[in-house]
N, C-alpha and C. Protein backbone atom coordinates (compact mmCIF):
# COMPACT_ATOMS: atom_id res chain seq x y z
N UNK A 1 -2.08 21.45 30.40
CA UNK A 1 -2.03 22.89 30.61
C UNK A 1 -3.45 23.42 30.69
N UNK A 2 -3.68 24.34 31.62
CA UNK A 2 -4.98 24.98 31.77
C UNK A 2 -5.01 26.24 30.91
N UNK A 3 -6.06 26.36 30.11
CA UNK A 3 -6.22 27.48 29.18
C UNK A 3 -7.47 28.27 29.56
N UNK A 4 -7.34 29.59 29.57
CA UNK A 4 -8.48 30.49 29.75
C UNK A 4 -8.89 30.99 28.37
N UNK A 5 -10.16 30.78 28.03
CA UNK A 5 -10.68 31.26 26.75
C UNK A 5 -11.72 32.34 27.01
N UNK A 6 -11.67 33.41 26.22
CA UNK A 6 -12.60 34.53 26.36
C UNK A 6 -13.17 34.89 25.00
N UNK A 7 -14.39 35.44 24.99
CA UNK A 7 -15.00 35.88 23.74
C UNK A 7 -16.25 36.71 24.00
N UNK A 8 -16.44 37.73 23.20
CA UNK A 8 -17.73 38.40 23.01
C UNK A 8 -18.26 39.25 24.16
N UNK A 9 -17.85 39.00 25.39
CA UNK A 9 -18.37 39.76 26.52
C UNK A 9 -17.24 40.04 27.50
N UNK A 10 -17.07 41.30 27.86
CA UNK A 10 -16.05 41.69 28.83
C UNK A 10 -16.50 41.23 30.22
N UNK A 11 -15.66 40.45 30.87
CA UNK A 11 -15.92 39.98 32.23
C UNK A 11 -14.91 40.67 33.13
N UNK A 12 -15.33 41.75 33.79
CA UNK A 12 -14.38 42.58 34.56
C UNK A 12 -13.76 41.83 35.72
N UNK A 13 -14.45 40.82 36.24
CA UNK A 13 -13.89 40.03 37.33
C UNK A 13 -12.53 39.43 36.96
N UNK A 14 -12.31 39.16 35.68
CA UNK A 14 -11.05 38.55 35.25
C UNK A 14 -9.85 39.46 35.41
N UNK A 15 -10.07 40.78 35.42
CA UNK A 15 -8.94 41.70 35.51
C UNK A 15 -8.88 42.42 36.85
N UNK A 16 -9.70 42.00 37.81
CA UNK A 16 -9.65 42.61 39.14
C UNK A 16 -8.41 42.15 39.89
N UNK A 17 -7.91 42.97 40.83
CA UNK A 17 -6.69 42.61 41.56
C UNK A 17 -6.77 41.26 42.27
N UNK A 18 -7.93 40.93 42.82
CA UNK A 18 -8.11 39.63 43.47
C UNK A 18 -9.17 38.88 42.67
N UNK A 19 -8.78 37.77 42.07
CA UNK A 19 -9.71 37.01 41.25
C UNK A 19 -10.78 36.38 42.12
N UNK A 20 -12.01 36.41 41.62
CA UNK A 20 -13.12 35.90 42.40
C UNK A 20 -13.38 34.41 42.24
N UNK A 21 -12.61 33.71 41.41
CA UNK A 21 -12.88 32.30 41.18
C UNK A 21 -11.61 31.48 41.32
N UNK A 22 -11.67 30.47 42.18
CA UNK A 22 -10.51 29.60 42.38
C UNK A 22 -10.18 28.81 41.12
N UNK A 23 -11.13 28.65 40.20
CA UNK A 23 -10.88 27.92 38.96
C UNK A 23 -9.93 28.63 38.02
N UNK A 24 -9.49 29.83 38.39
CA UNK A 24 -8.60 30.60 37.51
C UNK A 24 -7.14 30.53 37.96
N UNK A 25 -6.83 29.65 38.87
CA UNK A 25 -5.42 29.46 39.27
C UNK A 25 -4.71 28.61 38.22
N UNK A 26 -3.42 28.81 38.11
CA UNK A 26 -2.57 27.98 37.25
C UNK A 26 -2.89 28.07 35.76
N UNK A 27 -3.36 29.22 35.30
CA UNK A 27 -3.59 29.43 33.87
C UNK A 27 -2.23 29.49 33.17
N UNK A 28 -2.07 28.70 32.10
CA UNK A 28 -0.81 28.69 31.37
C UNK A 28 -0.87 29.42 30.04
N UNK A 29 -2.09 29.74 29.57
CA UNK A 29 -2.27 30.37 28.27
C UNK A 29 -3.67 30.98 28.24
N UNK A 30 -3.80 32.13 27.55
CA UNK A 30 -5.11 32.74 27.31
C UNK A 30 -5.33 32.77 25.80
N UNK A 31 -6.54 32.39 25.37
CA UNK A 31 -6.92 32.54 23.96
C UNK A 31 -8.19 33.39 23.90
N UNK A 32 -8.20 34.33 22.97
CA UNK A 32 -9.38 35.16 22.74
C UNK A 32 -9.99 34.77 21.40
N UNK A 33 -11.29 34.49 21.42
CA UNK A 33 -12.01 34.09 20.23
C UNK A 33 -12.77 35.25 19.58
N UNK A 34 -12.40 36.48 19.95
CA UNK A 34 -12.88 37.64 19.22
C UNK A 34 -14.02 38.42 19.85
N UNK A 35 -14.26 39.58 19.24
CA UNK A 35 -15.30 40.54 19.64
C UNK A 35 -15.11 41.04 21.07
N UNK A 36 -13.88 41.39 21.38
CA UNK A 36 -13.54 41.99 22.67
C UNK A 36 -12.67 43.22 22.42
N UNK A 37 -12.77 44.25 23.27
CA UNK A 37 -11.92 45.43 23.08
C UNK A 37 -10.44 45.08 23.25
N UNK A 38 -9.56 45.64 22.42
CA UNK A 38 -8.14 45.32 22.56
C UNK A 38 -7.59 45.69 23.94
N UNK A 39 -8.14 46.73 24.56
CA UNK A 39 -7.67 47.12 25.89
C UNK A 39 -7.94 46.03 26.93
N UNK A 40 -9.05 45.34 26.77
CA UNK A 40 -9.38 44.25 27.68
C UNK A 40 -8.35 43.12 27.56
N UNK A 41 -7.96 42.80 26.32
CA UNK A 41 -6.95 41.75 26.13
C UNK A 41 -5.61 42.18 26.74
N UNK A 42 -5.24 43.45 26.57
CA UNK A 42 -4.00 43.96 27.18
C UNK A 42 -4.04 43.79 28.70
N UNK A 43 -5.18 44.09 29.29
CA UNK A 43 -5.31 43.96 30.75
C UNK A 43 -5.27 42.50 31.19
N UNK A 44 -5.89 41.62 30.43
CA UNK A 44 -5.83 40.19 30.75
C UNK A 44 -4.40 39.68 30.70
N UNK A 45 -3.69 40.06 29.63
CA UNK A 45 -2.29 39.63 29.47
C UNK A 45 -1.45 40.09 30.66
N UNK A 46 -1.64 41.33 31.09
CA UNK A 46 -0.88 41.86 32.22
C UNK A 46 -1.31 41.20 33.53
N UNK A 47 -2.61 40.94 33.69
CA UNK A 47 -3.12 40.38 34.95
C UNK A 47 -2.61 38.96 35.20
N UNK A 48 -2.63 38.12 34.16
CA UNK A 48 -2.24 36.73 34.33
C UNK A 48 -0.76 36.48 34.04
N UNK A 49 -0.12 37.40 33.30
CA UNK A 49 1.30 37.29 32.96
C UNK A 49 1.62 35.97 32.26
N UNK A 50 0.76 35.60 31.30
CA UNK A 50 0.99 34.44 30.43
C UNK A 50 0.73 34.88 29.00
N UNK A 51 1.20 34.13 28.00
CA UNK A 51 0.92 34.51 26.62
C UNK A 51 -0.57 34.58 26.33
N UNK A 52 -0.95 35.53 25.48
CA UNK A 52 -2.33 35.65 25.04
C UNK A 52 -2.35 35.63 23.51
N UNK A 53 -3.03 34.64 22.96
CA UNK A 53 -3.18 34.48 21.51
C UNK A 53 -4.61 34.83 21.14
N UNK A 54 -4.79 35.49 20.00
CA UNK A 54 -6.16 35.90 19.65
C UNK A 54 -6.45 35.80 18.17
N UNK A 55 -7.74 35.67 17.88
CA UNK A 55 -8.28 35.85 16.53
C UNK A 55 -9.28 37.00 16.61
N UNK A 56 -9.64 37.53 15.47
CA UNK A 56 -10.56 38.67 15.41
C UNK A 56 -11.99 38.22 15.16
N UNK A 57 -12.92 38.91 15.79
CA UNK A 57 -14.33 38.68 15.54
C UNK A 57 -14.85 39.64 14.49
N UNK A 58 -16.12 39.49 14.16
CA UNK A 58 -16.72 40.33 13.12
C UNK A 58 -17.01 41.75 13.60
N UNK A 59 -16.78 42.05 14.88
CA UNK A 59 -16.96 43.42 15.38
C UNK A 59 -15.64 44.06 15.82
N UNK A 60 -14.52 43.40 15.58
CA UNK A 60 -13.22 43.92 16.03
C UNK A 60 -12.66 44.90 15.00
N UNK A 61 -13.08 46.16 15.11
CA UNK A 61 -12.74 47.17 14.11
C UNK A 61 -11.48 47.96 14.46
N UNK A 62 -11.06 47.99 15.72
CA UNK A 62 -9.97 48.88 16.14
C UNK A 62 -8.61 48.20 16.26
N UNK A 63 -8.52 46.92 15.99
CA UNK A 63 -7.26 46.21 16.21
C UNK A 63 -6.15 46.66 15.26
N UNK A 64 -6.50 47.15 14.09
CA UNK A 64 -5.49 47.62 13.14
C UNK A 64 -4.74 48.84 13.65
N UNK A 65 -5.44 49.73 14.32
CA UNK A 65 -4.82 50.96 14.83
C UNK A 65 -4.47 50.88 16.30
N UNK A 66 -5.07 49.94 17.03
CA UNK A 66 -4.85 49.85 18.47
C UNK A 66 -4.79 48.39 18.91
N UNK A 67 -3.77 47.63 18.46
CA UNK A 67 -3.71 46.21 18.82
C UNK A 67 -3.45 46.03 20.31
N UNK A 68 -3.87 44.90 20.88
CA UNK A 68 -3.62 44.66 22.30
C UNK A 68 -2.13 44.47 22.57
N UNK A 69 -1.65 45.12 23.62
CA UNK A 69 -0.22 45.08 23.95
C UNK A 69 0.20 43.71 24.47
N UNK A 70 1.30 43.22 23.92
CA UNK A 70 1.87 41.97 24.39
C UNK A 70 1.13 40.72 23.96
N UNK A 71 0.17 40.85 23.06
CA UNK A 71 -0.65 39.72 22.61
C UNK A 71 -0.30 39.38 21.16
N UNK A 72 -0.63 38.17 20.73
CA UNK A 72 -0.25 37.71 19.40
C UNK A 72 -1.46 37.26 18.61
N UNK A 73 -1.64 37.84 17.41
CA UNK A 73 -2.70 37.42 16.51
C UNK A 73 -2.27 36.13 15.81
N UNK A 74 -3.14 35.13 15.80
CA UNK A 74 -2.79 33.84 15.19
C UNK A 74 -3.69 33.52 14.00
N UNK A 75 -4.31 34.52 13.42
CA UNK A 75 -5.18 34.30 12.26
C UNK A 75 -4.41 33.64 11.13
N UNK A 76 -4.87 32.46 10.73
CA UNK A 76 -4.30 31.69 9.62
C UNK A 76 -2.83 31.34 9.85
N UNK A 77 -2.49 31.07 11.10
CA UNK A 77 -1.11 30.72 11.45
C UNK A 77 -1.12 29.56 12.44
N UNK A 78 -0.10 28.74 12.35
CA UNK A 78 0.14 27.70 13.36
C UNK A 78 1.27 28.20 14.23
N UNK A 79 1.02 28.25 15.53
CA UNK A 79 2.07 28.65 16.49
C UNK A 79 2.20 27.52 17.51
N UNK A 80 3.32 27.53 18.21
CA UNK A 80 3.55 26.52 19.25
C UNK A 80 3.70 27.21 20.60
N UNK A 81 3.11 26.57 21.60
CA UNK A 81 3.26 27.04 22.98
C UNK A 81 3.36 25.82 23.87
N UNK A 82 4.49 25.67 24.52
CA UNK A 82 4.74 24.56 25.44
C UNK A 82 4.33 23.22 24.84
N UNK A 83 4.73 23.03 23.59
CA UNK A 83 4.46 21.77 22.91
C UNK A 83 3.13 21.68 22.20
N UNK A 84 2.22 22.61 22.45
CA UNK A 84 0.93 22.59 21.77
C UNK A 84 1.03 23.26 20.41
N UNK A 85 0.43 22.64 19.41
CA UNK A 85 0.31 23.24 18.07
C UNK A 85 -1.06 23.91 18.00
N UNK A 86 -1.04 25.22 17.78
CA UNK A 86 -2.28 26.03 17.87
C UNK A 86 -2.49 26.77 16.56
N UNK A 87 -3.70 26.69 16.03
CA UNK A 87 -4.07 27.30 14.75
C UNK A 87 -5.26 28.22 14.97
N UNK A 88 -5.28 29.38 14.32
CA UNK A 88 -6.38 30.33 14.50
C UNK A 88 -7.03 30.76 13.20
N UNK A 89 -8.33 31.09 13.28
CA UNK A 89 -9.07 31.64 12.15
C UNK A 89 -10.00 32.74 12.65
N UNK A 90 -9.80 33.93 12.15
CA UNK A 90 -10.65 35.08 12.50
C UNK A 90 -11.94 35.05 11.70
N UNK A 91 -12.93 35.80 12.20
CA UNK A 91 -14.10 36.16 11.41
C UNK A 91 -15.29 35.24 11.49
N UNK A 92 -16.36 35.75 10.88
CA UNK A 92 -17.64 35.05 10.82
C UNK A 92 -18.02 34.85 9.35
N UNK A 93 -19.17 34.22 9.15
CA UNK A 93 -19.71 34.09 7.80
C UNK A 93 -20.07 35.48 7.28
N UNK A 94 -19.94 35.67 5.97
CA UNK A 94 -20.29 36.93 5.32
C UNK A 94 -21.80 37.16 5.48
N UNK A 95 -22.16 38.38 5.92
CA UNK A 95 -23.58 38.72 5.98
C UNK A 95 -23.88 40.15 5.59
N UNK A 96 -22.93 41.11 5.73
CA UNK A 96 -23.21 42.47 5.27
C UNK A 96 -21.99 43.16 4.68
N UNK A 97 -20.89 42.46 4.54
CA UNK A 97 -19.72 43.00 3.88
C UNK A 97 -18.76 43.77 4.75
N UNK A 98 -18.99 43.83 6.05
CA UNK A 98 -18.04 44.51 6.93
C UNK A 98 -16.78 43.69 7.14
N UNK A 99 -15.89 44.19 7.97
CA UNK A 99 -14.60 43.57 8.22
C UNK A 99 -14.75 42.18 8.85
N UNK A 100 -13.79 41.32 8.54
CA UNK A 100 -13.69 39.98 9.14
C UNK A 100 -14.92 39.11 8.88
N UNK A 101 -15.45 39.20 7.67
CA UNK A 101 -16.56 38.35 7.24
C UNK A 101 -16.12 37.62 5.98
N UNK A 102 -16.40 36.31 5.94
CA UNK A 102 -15.89 35.49 4.85
C UNK A 102 -16.97 34.55 4.34
N UNK A 103 -16.92 34.26 3.06
CA UNK A 103 -17.80 33.23 2.51
C UNK A 103 -17.24 31.87 2.87
N UNK A 104 -18.06 30.87 2.71
CA UNK A 104 -17.59 29.49 2.94
C UNK A 104 -16.41 29.17 2.03
N UNK A 105 -16.50 29.62 0.80
CA UNK A 105 -15.43 29.35 -0.17
C UNK A 105 -14.12 30.01 0.27
N UNK A 106 -14.19 31.23 0.78
CA UNK A 106 -12.98 31.92 1.24
C UNK A 106 -12.35 31.19 2.43
N UNK A 107 -13.18 30.77 3.40
CA UNK A 107 -12.61 30.08 4.56
C UNK A 107 -12.00 28.75 4.15
N UNK A 108 -12.65 28.03 3.26
CA UNK A 108 -12.09 26.77 2.78
C UNK A 108 -10.74 27.01 2.10
N UNK A 109 -10.62 28.11 1.38
CA UNK A 109 -9.36 28.45 0.73
C UNK A 109 -8.27 28.77 1.76
N UNK A 110 -8.62 29.49 2.83
CA UNK A 110 -7.64 29.77 3.89
C UNK A 110 -7.09 28.47 4.48
N UNK A 111 -7.99 27.51 4.71
CA UNK A 111 -7.57 26.24 5.29
C UNK A 111 -6.73 25.45 4.30
N UNK A 112 -7.12 25.43 3.03
CA UNK A 112 -6.34 24.73 1.99
C UNK A 112 -4.91 25.25 1.92
N UNK A 113 -4.74 26.55 2.02
CA UNK A 113 -3.39 27.14 1.95
C UNK A 113 -2.50 26.71 3.11
N UNK A 114 -3.09 26.18 4.17
CA UNK A 114 -2.32 25.74 5.33
C UNK A 114 -2.03 24.25 5.33
N UNK A 115 -2.44 23.54 4.29
CA UNK A 115 -2.30 22.08 4.34
C UNK A 115 -0.86 21.61 4.44
N UNK A 116 0.09 22.30 3.79
CA UNK A 116 1.50 21.90 3.92
C UNK A 116 2.00 22.18 5.33
N UNK A 117 1.64 23.34 5.87
CA UNK A 117 2.05 23.66 7.25
C UNK A 117 1.45 22.66 8.23
N UNK A 118 0.19 22.27 8.02
CA UNK A 118 -0.44 21.27 8.88
C UNK A 118 0.26 19.92 8.76
N UNK A 119 0.62 19.55 7.55
CA UNK A 119 1.32 18.28 7.33
C UNK A 119 2.70 18.31 8.00
N UNK A 120 3.44 19.43 7.82
CA UNK A 120 4.77 19.54 8.42
C UNK A 120 4.72 19.53 9.94
N UNK A 121 3.67 20.11 10.51
CA UNK A 121 3.55 20.14 11.98
C UNK A 121 2.89 18.87 12.51
N UNK A 122 2.53 17.97 11.61
CA UNK A 122 1.85 16.72 11.96
C UNK A 122 0.53 16.98 12.68
N UNK A 123 -0.20 17.95 12.13
CA UNK A 123 -1.52 18.25 12.66
C UNK A 123 -1.50 19.42 13.62
N UNK A 124 -2.55 19.49 14.42
CA UNK A 124 -2.75 20.61 15.32
C UNK A 124 -3.49 20.10 16.56
N UNK A 125 -3.19 20.71 17.70
CA UNK A 125 -3.82 20.30 18.96
C UNK A 125 -5.03 21.16 19.32
N UNK A 126 -4.93 22.46 19.02
CA UNK A 126 -5.97 23.41 19.40
C UNK A 126 -6.26 24.33 18.22
N UNK A 127 -7.53 24.47 17.88
CA UNK A 127 -7.96 25.42 16.85
C UNK A 127 -8.78 26.50 17.56
N UNK A 128 -8.40 27.77 17.33
CA UNK A 128 -9.07 28.92 17.93
C UNK A 128 -9.78 29.67 16.81
N UNK A 129 -11.11 29.81 16.90
CA UNK A 129 -11.87 30.48 15.85
C UNK A 129 -12.85 31.46 16.48
N UNK A 130 -13.37 32.36 15.66
CA UNK A 130 -14.47 33.19 16.13
C UNK A 130 -15.79 32.44 15.89
N UNK A 131 -16.04 32.05 14.66
CA UNK A 131 -17.28 31.34 14.32
C UNK A 131 -17.14 29.86 14.67
N UNK A 132 -18.26 29.19 14.91
CA UNK A 132 -18.22 27.75 15.18
C UNK A 132 -18.24 26.93 13.88
N UNK A 133 -18.06 25.62 14.00
CA UNK A 133 -18.30 24.76 12.84
C UNK A 133 -19.80 24.74 12.51
N UNK A 134 -20.12 24.41 11.28
CA UNK A 134 -21.52 24.35 10.85
C UNK A 134 -22.26 23.25 11.60
N UNK A 135 -23.46 23.56 12.07
CA UNK A 135 -24.36 22.67 12.79
C UNK A 135 -23.85 22.25 14.16
N UNK A 136 -22.83 22.93 14.67
CA UNK A 136 -22.36 22.66 16.04
C UNK A 136 -22.32 24.01 16.75
N UNK A 137 -23.28 24.26 17.60
CA UNK A 137 -23.42 25.50 18.37
C UNK A 137 -23.84 26.69 17.52
N UNK A 138 -24.04 26.54 16.22
CA UNK A 138 -24.33 27.71 15.39
C UNK A 138 -25.83 27.95 15.30
N UNK A 139 -26.23 28.93 14.48
CA UNK A 139 -27.63 29.28 14.29
C UNK A 139 -27.92 29.36 12.80
N UNK A 140 -29.16 29.61 12.45
CA UNK A 140 -29.54 29.57 11.04
C UNK A 140 -29.57 30.93 10.36
N UNK A 141 -29.42 32.04 11.12
CA UNK A 141 -29.37 33.34 10.45
C UNK A 141 -28.03 33.50 9.74
N UNK A 142 -27.99 34.38 8.74
CA UNK A 142 -26.79 34.51 7.90
C UNK A 142 -25.53 34.82 8.71
N UNK A 143 -25.65 35.64 9.72
CA UNK A 143 -24.48 36.05 10.52
C UNK A 143 -23.93 34.90 11.35
N UNK A 144 -24.79 34.06 11.90
CA UNK A 144 -24.35 33.10 12.92
C UNK A 144 -24.23 31.66 12.43
N UNK A 145 -24.33 31.44 11.11
CA UNK A 145 -24.05 30.10 10.60
C UNK A 145 -22.56 29.82 10.76
N UNK A 146 -22.24 28.58 11.09
CA UNK A 146 -20.84 28.18 11.19
C UNK A 146 -20.27 27.82 9.83
N UNK A 147 -18.99 27.48 9.84
CA UNK A 147 -18.29 27.13 8.59
C UNK A 147 -18.19 25.62 8.43
N UNK A 148 -18.66 25.10 7.27
CA UNK A 148 -18.52 23.68 6.96
C UNK A 148 -17.05 23.29 6.87
N UNK A 149 -16.22 24.21 6.44
CA UNK A 149 -14.80 23.90 6.30
C UNK A 149 -14.14 23.60 7.65
N UNK A 150 -14.70 24.13 8.76
CA UNK A 150 -14.19 23.76 10.09
C UNK A 150 -14.53 22.31 10.41
N UNK A 151 -15.70 21.84 9.96
CA UNK A 151 -16.06 20.44 10.16
C UNK A 151 -15.05 19.53 9.44
N UNK A 152 -14.69 19.91 8.22
CA UNK A 152 -13.73 19.12 7.46
C UNK A 152 -12.35 19.15 8.12
N UNK A 153 -11.96 20.30 8.66
CA UNK A 153 -10.68 20.43 9.37
C UNK A 153 -10.65 19.49 10.58
N UNK A 154 -11.76 19.47 11.33
CA UNK A 154 -11.86 18.58 12.50
C UNK A 154 -11.76 17.12 12.06
N UNK A 155 -12.48 16.77 11.02
CA UNK A 155 -12.48 15.39 10.54
C UNK A 155 -11.10 14.95 10.07
N UNK A 156 -10.40 15.82 9.35
CA UNK A 156 -9.09 15.45 8.78
C UNK A 156 -7.99 15.44 9.82
N UNK A 157 -7.93 16.47 10.70
CA UNK A 157 -6.76 16.64 11.57
C UNK A 157 -7.00 16.26 13.03
N UNK A 158 -8.24 16.04 13.43
CA UNK A 158 -8.59 15.57 14.78
C UNK A 158 -7.89 16.34 15.90
N UNK A 159 -8.04 17.68 15.95
CA UNK A 159 -7.45 18.41 17.08
C UNK A 159 -8.11 17.99 18.38
N UNK A 160 -7.40 18.16 19.49
CA UNK A 160 -7.99 17.85 20.80
C UNK A 160 -9.18 18.77 21.07
N UNK A 161 -9.04 20.05 20.71
CA UNK A 161 -10.10 21.04 20.96
C UNK A 161 -10.22 22.03 19.82
N UNK A 162 -11.43 22.49 19.58
CA UNK A 162 -11.70 23.69 18.79
C UNK A 162 -12.50 24.59 19.72
N UNK A 163 -11.99 25.79 19.98
CA UNK A 163 -12.69 26.73 20.86
C UNK A 163 -13.12 27.93 20.01
N UNK A 164 -14.36 28.35 20.18
CA UNK A 164 -14.92 29.43 19.36
C UNK A 164 -15.70 30.40 20.24
N UNK A 165 -16.07 31.53 19.63
CA UNK A 165 -16.95 32.51 20.26
C UNK A 165 -18.17 32.70 19.38
N UNK A 166 -18.61 33.96 19.24
CA UNK A 166 -19.62 34.40 18.27
C UNK A 166 -21.05 34.02 18.64
N UNK A 167 -21.25 32.88 19.26
CA UNK A 167 -22.60 32.42 19.59
C UNK A 167 -22.86 32.75 21.05
N UNK A 168 -23.70 33.75 21.29
CA UNK A 168 -23.97 34.24 22.64
C UNK A 168 -24.95 33.29 23.33
N UNK A 169 -24.48 32.64 24.36
CA UNK A 169 -25.32 31.72 25.12
C UNK A 169 -24.86 31.72 26.56
N UNK A 170 -25.80 31.58 27.47
CA UNK A 170 -25.46 31.48 28.89
C UNK A 170 -25.48 30.01 29.28
N UNK A 171 -24.53 29.61 30.11
CA UNK A 171 -24.38 28.21 30.47
C UNK A 171 -24.47 28.05 31.98
N UNK A 172 -25.26 27.07 32.42
CA UNK A 172 -25.37 26.80 33.85
C UNK A 172 -24.12 26.11 34.38
N UNK A 173 -23.44 25.38 33.51
CA UNK A 173 -22.16 24.77 33.88
C UNK A 173 -21.31 24.63 32.62
N UNK A 174 -20.01 24.50 32.82
CA UNK A 174 -19.10 24.46 31.67
C UNK A 174 -19.31 23.24 30.78
N UNK A 175 -19.86 22.18 31.32
CA UNK A 175 -20.13 21.00 30.49
C UNK A 175 -21.11 21.29 29.37
N UNK A 176 -22.02 22.23 29.59
CA UNK A 176 -23.01 22.57 28.57
C UNK A 176 -22.39 23.32 27.39
N UNK A 177 -21.18 23.83 27.56
CA UNK A 177 -20.48 24.54 26.49
C UNK A 177 -19.86 23.60 25.46
N UNK A 178 -19.74 22.34 25.81
CA UNK A 178 -18.88 21.40 25.07
C UNK A 178 -19.70 20.39 24.29
N UNK A 179 -19.33 20.22 23.02
CA UNK A 179 -19.85 19.14 22.19
C UNK A 179 -18.64 18.37 21.67
N UNK A 180 -18.69 17.05 21.75
CA UNK A 180 -17.56 16.24 21.28
C UNK A 180 -17.91 15.62 19.94
N UNK A 181 -17.02 15.80 18.97
CA UNK A 181 -17.16 15.20 17.65
C UNK A 181 -15.93 14.34 17.42
N UNK A 182 -16.14 13.05 17.24
CA UNK A 182 -15.04 12.09 17.23
C UNK A 182 -14.25 12.29 18.52
N UNK A 183 -12.99 12.68 18.42
CA UNK A 183 -12.20 12.90 19.64
C UNK A 183 -11.98 14.39 19.94
N UNK A 184 -12.63 15.27 19.18
CA UNK A 184 -12.42 16.71 19.31
C UNK A 184 -13.51 17.33 20.19
N UNK A 185 -13.09 18.07 21.22
CA UNK A 185 -14.04 18.84 22.03
C UNK A 185 -14.23 20.20 21.37
N UNK A 186 -15.47 20.57 21.09
CA UNK A 186 -15.80 21.88 20.53
C UNK A 186 -16.42 22.69 21.67
N UNK A 187 -15.79 23.84 21.97
CA UNK A 187 -16.12 24.61 23.17
C UNK A 187 -16.57 26.01 22.79
N UNK A 188 -17.75 26.40 23.24
CA UNK A 188 -18.22 27.77 23.07
C UNK A 188 -17.67 28.59 24.25
N UNK A 189 -16.82 29.55 23.95
CA UNK A 189 -16.14 30.31 25.01
C UNK A 189 -16.83 31.63 25.34
N UNK A 190 -18.10 31.80 24.96
CA UNK A 190 -18.80 33.06 25.23
C UNK A 190 -18.60 33.49 26.69
N UNK A 191 -18.21 34.75 26.89
CA UNK A 191 -17.86 35.22 28.24
C UNK A 191 -16.46 34.75 28.55
N UNK A 192 -16.36 33.66 29.32
CA UNK A 192 -15.07 33.02 29.53
C UNK A 192 -15.28 31.61 30.03
N UNK A 193 -14.28 30.79 29.85
CA UNK A 193 -14.28 29.43 30.39
C UNK A 193 -12.83 28.97 30.48
N UNK A 194 -12.61 27.91 31.21
CA UNK A 194 -11.29 27.28 31.24
C UNK A 194 -11.42 25.84 30.78
N UNK A 195 -10.35 25.34 30.20
CA UNK A 195 -10.30 23.93 29.82
C UNK A 195 -8.85 23.50 29.83
N UNK A 196 -8.63 22.21 29.78
CA UNK A 196 -7.27 21.68 29.83
C UNK A 196 -6.97 20.84 28.62
N UNK A 197 -5.74 20.93 28.16
CA UNK A 197 -5.22 20.03 27.13
C UNK A 197 -3.97 19.40 27.70
């Protein structure tokens, strides 16, 4: 299945009546890795007419009062779509106490609480996060450090992909977005990208 992932930057070309990129044909699912206006997600969902699953970023302040129409939040939940087991985690590392910021200990606790669900589902195929794993695509400032607990999740459950946002980077080609750890592809979805599972 081809998946469109978006994060952090509104790309208006994605919601135009005629798409400008042939690589956007046959999209079966959209995932949002956060820090996008809810209205943009509503427009994406309507434009592609496929399910849109999302997690919240550290700047997503309006989702409580104005959630995206027809889209599903998967924060700390395992959902299934066409046979794929998909797990989501909102937020970034704690840095100033605003919404959707968590300490390493809090994120590790969120993952621990899902261990029975992960065991019952026999693992997970796709993990959707806002922040990256620690030392993979992250930075050293307090806001942009990744979570060590995501590294442990990858090591234990070996998902096919972990897709994240939060780290703003421009890529000359989609291959530069991807780092492989064991058998897991870790993908920075800043702006937008497509990948297949």
